Amino acid sequence: MSPISDAVIKYRNLQMGAVSVFSDTTSSVLEETAFLDAGYIESTTKRIQRSLKSKKSELSTNIEMDKQDSYYIEKRKELQDDTLRLTYRLMFIGSNDVRVLQDCEKIAEEQGFDFAQCIKGMRAYYEGYKDRAFELIEPYYIENGAVENHFLINKVFGMLLMEKGKFDKSIPFLSYALQYNPDDMECLNAVKKCLENTRDVEHVKFIDQAIEMLEWRWD
């Protein structure tokens, strides 16, 4: 095995360790996790957009036919449900990308999705209004308990908690975010800062290794 291949394998193992040490996630779940990097988000949103376009076209045809027998009524309801589900999925996946938060917020508001509150909070955070971001995001977590399968909202909420000095509370959100984007240097450094402030020396060393390997890979 070449030194480069060996280093990549070591880095990958560190990635998995870094995101599992600080969470209750099992290794089997981690293996199934889709990394929400830019490439995945773009390819997934394009696929959803194609499906959504097809469903909307089929629904439009159904409505134009204006048939009232049970088959067409049930099919219409099924298509409406599918369209709404795909629209939510498009908004939810897309909102992991800071660049399209405004578009995702528009979709969420038009459809009346509660997640619009989180998107507003993420936009506020990246526009520099961090107190406003916390005011929007914290109540959503209090009401819902968690936001699963989403990188950016967990990262942002974790960063906000860290910046407020709530280091113990921040770690679970940041480590959960790392499950979906283990290459996020800002997230890794934030976890390290939280661990340093909680005097978790052992895990600080572990995170340092992951950061060092990531920096090596970028170089």
Protein backbone atom coordinates (compact mmCIF):
# COMPACT_ATOMS: atom_id res chain seq x y z
CA MET A 1 0.00 0.00 0.00
CA SER A 2 1.33 3.45 -0.90
CA PRO A 3 1.98 6.05 1.84
CA ILE A 4 -0.76 8.24 0.37
CA SER A 5 -3.33 5.43 0.41
CA ASP A 6 -2.36 4.55 3.96
CA ALA A 7 -2.74 8.17 5.05
CA VAL A 8 -6.17 8.46 3.43
CA ILE A 9 -7.33 5.33 5.27
CA LYS A 10 -6.03 6.70 8.56
CA TYR A 11 -7.80 10.00 7.91
CA ARG A 12 -11.05 8.19 7.14
CA ASN A 13 -10.79 6.21 10.36
CA LEU A 14 -10.18 9.42 12.27
CA GLN A 15 -13.24 10.97 10.63
CA MET A 16 -15.41 8.12 11.85
CA GLY A 17 -13.85 8.27 15.27
CA ALA A 18 -14.25 12.02 15.56
CA VAL A 19 -17.96 11.90 14.86
CA SER A 20 -18.69 8.81 16.95
CA VAL A 21 -16.70 9.54 20.11
CA PHE A 22 -18.95 12.42 21.08
CA SER A 23 -22.33 10.96 20.10
CA ASP A 24 -24.49 7.89 20.65
CA THR A 25 -24.46 7.02 16.95
CA THR A 26 -23.44 3.46 16.19
CA SER A 27 -20.83 2.61 13.58
CA SER A 28 -23.45 0.91 11.40
CA VAL A 29 -25.47 4.10 11.21
CA LEU A 30 -22.37 6.13 10.43
CA GLU A 31 -21.59 3.85 7.50
CA GLU A 32 -25.02 4.63 6.03
CA THR A 33 -24.82 8.38 6.56
CA ALA A 34 -24.83 10.48 3.39
CA PHE A 35 -22.17 13.16 3.61
CA LEU A 36 -23.89 16.46 2.97
CA ASP A 37 -21.09 18.10 1.05
CA ALA A 38 -21.62 20.45 -1.89
CA GLY A 39 -21.49 17.65 -4.46
CA TYR A 40 -24.08 15.52 -2.71
CA ILE A 41 -26.41 18.47 -2.14
CA GLU A 42 -26.21 19.56 -5.78
CA SER A 43 -26.76 16.09 -7.24
CA THR A 44 -29.59 15.31 -4.83
CA THR A 45 -31.42 18.58 -5.41
CA LYS A 46 -31.20 18.11 -9.18
CA ARG A 47 -32.67 14.63 -8.85
CA ILE A 48 -35.49 15.93 -6.63
CA GLN A 49 -36.19 18.76 -9.08
CA ARG A 50 -36.57 16.26 -11.93
CA SER A 51 -38.98 14.14 -9.90
CA LEU A 52 -40.90 17.21 -8.79
CA LYS A 53 -41.26 18.46 -12.35
CA SER A 54 -42.61 15.07 -13.43
CA LYS A 55 -45.13 14.91 -10.58
CA LYS A 56 -46.34 18.46 -11.20
CA SER A 57 -46.83 17.71 -14.89
CA GLU A 58 -48.81 14.58 -14.09
CA LEU A 59 -50.89 16.46 -11.54
CA SER A 60 -51.61 19.26 -14.01
CA THR A 61 -52.83 16.71 -16.56
CA ASN A 62 -55.03 15.06 -13.97
CA ILE A 63 -56.61 18.38 -13.00
CA GLU A 64 -57.20 19.38 -16.63
CA MET A 65 -59.00 16.10 -17.31
CA ASP A 66 -61.40 17.04 -14.51
CA LYS A 67 -62.61 13.48 -14.02
CA GLN A 68 -64.48 12.90 -10.78
CA ASP A 69 -64.47 9.12 -10.46
CA SER A 70 -62.69 7.66 -7.42
CA TYR A 71 -59.55 6.55 -9.28
CA TYR A 72 -58.72 10.03 -10.58
CA ILE A 73 -59.60 11.70 -7.28
CA GLU A 74 -57.36 9.32 -5.34
CA LYS A 75 -54.60 9.70 -7.93
CA ARG A 76 -54.86 13.48 -7.69
CA LYS A 77 -54.54 13.31 -3.90
CA GLU A 78 -51.54 10.99 -4.23
CA LEU A 79 -49.83 13.35 -6.67
CA GLN A 80 -50.52 16.35 -4.45
CA ASP A 81 -48.99 14.51 -1.48
CA ASP A 82 -45.98 13.47 -3.55
CA THR A 83 -45.48 17.03 -4.78
CA LEU A 84 -45.60 18.42 -1.24
CA ARG A 85 -43.21 15.73 0.04
CA LEU A 86 -40.70 16.40 -2.75
CA THR A 87 -40.98 20.16 -2.23
CA TYR A 88 -40.18 19.72 1.45
CA ARG A 89 -37.27 17.43 0.63
CA LEU A 90 -35.92 19.96 -1.88
CA MET A 91 -36.11 22.74 0.69
CA PHE A 92 -34.66 20.61 3.50
CA ILE A 93 -31.67 19.23 1.58
CA GLY A 94 -30.98 22.52 -0.20
CA SER A 95 -30.90 24.47 3.06
CA ASN A 96 -27.61 22.74 3.94
CA ASP A 97 -26.01 25.11 1.42
CA VAL A 98 -25.56 28.67 2.68
CA ARG A 99 -25.68 30.00 -0.89
CA VAL A 100 -29.31 28.99 -1.46
CA LEU A 101 -30.81 29.71 1.97
CA GLN A 102 -32.85 32.60 0.60
CA ASP A 103 -34.42 30.42 -2.10
CA CYS A 104 -35.12 27.69 0.45
CA GLU A 105 -36.72 30.20 2.80
CA LYS A 106 -39.04 31.35 0.01
CA ILE A 107 -40.13 27.76 -0.69
CA ALA A 108 -40.67 27.09 3.01
CA GLU A 109 -42.78 30.22 3.48
CA GLU A 110 -44.87 29.62 0.35
CA GLN A 111 -45.71 26.09 1.54
CA GLY A 112 -46.09 27.00 5.20
CA PHE A 113 -43.32 24.66 6.37
CA ASP A 114 -42.33 25.16 10.03
CA PHE A 115 -38.69 24.68 9.07
CA ALA A 116 -38.80 28.20 7.62
CA GLN A 117 -38.02 29.35 11.16
CA CYS A 118 -34.72 27.46 11.11
CA ILE A 119 -33.81 28.78 7.68
CA LYS A 120 -34.47 32.33 8.84
CA GLY A 121 -32.21 31.63 11.80
CA MET A 122 -29.41 30.27 9.61
CA ARG A 123 -29.65 33.28 7.32
CA ALA A 124 -29.51 35.62 10.31
CA TYR A 125 -26.42 33.80 11.60
CA TYR A 126 -24.52 34.11 8.33
CA GLU A 127 -25.59 37.72 7.93
CA GLY A 128 -24.05 38.48 11.32
CA TYR A 129 -27.24 38.76 13.41
CA LYS A 130 -26.37 36.04 15.88
CA ASP A 131 -28.71 37.06 18.70
CA ARG A 132 -31.60 37.03 16.24
CA ALA A 133 -30.44 33.65 14.94
CA PHE A 134 -30.51 32.20 18.46
CA GLU A 135 -33.97 33.67 19.11
CA LEU A 136 -35.28 31.88 16.02
CA ILE A 137 -33.50 28.55 16.30
CA GLU A 138 -33.60 27.77 20.03
CA PRO A 139 -37.44 27.67 20.27
CA TYR A 140 -37.56 25.26 17.31
CA TYR A 141 -35.23 22.85 19.11
CA ILE A 142 -37.15 23.24 22.37
CA GLU A 143 -40.41 22.38 20.61
CA ASN A 144 -39.08 19.57 18.40
CA GLY A 145 -36.27 18.17 20.52
CA ALA A 146 -33.89 17.68 17.61
CA VAL A 147 -33.38 18.27 13.90
CA GLU A 148 -32.22 15.03 12.33
CA ASN A 149 -30.46 14.46 9.00
CA HIS A 150 -29.43 18.09 8.60
CA PHE A 151 -25.85 19.34 8.74
CA LEU A 152 -26.08 23.11 8.69
CA ILE A 153 -28.78 23.76 11.28
CA ASN A 154 -26.98 21.57 13.85
CA LYS A 155 -23.67 23.24 13.07
CA VAL A 156 -25.16 26.73 13.39
CA PHE A 157 -26.97 25.95 16.64
CA GLY A 158 -23.83 24.34 18.02
CA MET A 159 -21.77 27.39 17.05
CA LEU A 160 -24.30 29.70 18.69
CA LEU A 161 -24.22 27.69 21.92
CA MET A 162 -20.43 27.70 21.88
CA GLU A 163 -20.30 31.46 21.36
CA LYS A 164 -22.59 31.86 24.38
CA GLY A 165 -20.17 29.80 26.48
CA LYS A 166 -22.47 26.77 26.67
CA PHE A 167 -19.69 24.37 25.76
CA ASP A 168 -21.22 21.15 27.15
CA LYS A 169 -24.47 21.77 25.30
CA SER A 170 -22.69 22.72 22.09
CA ILE A 171 -20.71 19.49 21.66
CA PRO A 172 -23.64 17.17 20.79
CA PHE A 173 -24.88 19.49 18.03
CA LEU A 174 -21.45 20.06 16.53
CA SER A 175 -20.55 16.36 16.66
CA TYR A 176 -23.89 15.46 15.07
CA ALA A 177 -23.18 17.95 12.28
CA LEU A 178 -19.79 16.31 11.75
CA GLN A 179 -21.53 13.03 10.97
CA TYR A 180 -22.78 14.69 7.80
CA ASN A 181 -19.72 16.74 6.92
CA PRO A 182 -16.60 15.43 8.70
CA ASP A 183 -14.39 17.70 6.54
CA ASP A 184 -15.82 20.89 8.02
CA MET A 185 -12.79 22.54 9.61
CA GLU A 186 -14.82 25.24 11.35
CA CYS A 187 -16.91 22.56 13.04
CA LEU A 188 -13.85 20.54 14.08
CA ASN A 189 -12.17 23.62 15.55
CA ALA A 190 -15.36 24.52 17.39
CA VAL A 191 -15.56 21.03 18.92
CA LYS A 192 -11.91 21.36 19.94
CA LYS A 193 -12.59 24.69 21.65
CA CYS A 194 -15.55 23.22 23.52
CA LEU A 195 -13.48 20.23 24.66
CA GLU A 196 -10.67 22.51 25.81
CA ASN A 197 -13.13 24.52 27.87
CA THR A 198 -14.57 21.37 29.42
CA ARG A 199 -11.01 20.14 30.12
CA ASP A 200 -11.47 16.99 28.03
CA VAL A 201 -7.77 16.66 27.22
CA GLU A 202 -7.99 13.12 25.84
CA HIS A 203 -10.55 13.99 23.19
CA VAL A 204 -8.80 17.26 22.32
CA LYS A 205 -5.79 15.17 21.25
CA PHE A 206 -8.08 12.99 19.15
CA ILE A 207 -9.61 15.99 17.38
CA ASP A 208 -6.13 17.44 16.84
CA GLN A 209 -5.22 14.28 14.92
CA ALA A 210 -8.29 14.62 12.70
CA ILE A 211 -7.51 18.29 12.03
CA GLU A 212 -3.89 17.50 11.26
CA MET A 213 -4.87 14.79 8.77
CA LEU A 214 -7.43 17.07 7.13
CA GLU A 215 -4.87 19.86 6.75
CA TRP A 216 -2.43 17.32 5.26
CA ARG A 217 -5.05 16.20 2.76
CA TRP A 218 -5.77 19.76 1.66
CA ASP A 219 -2.06 20.48 1.24
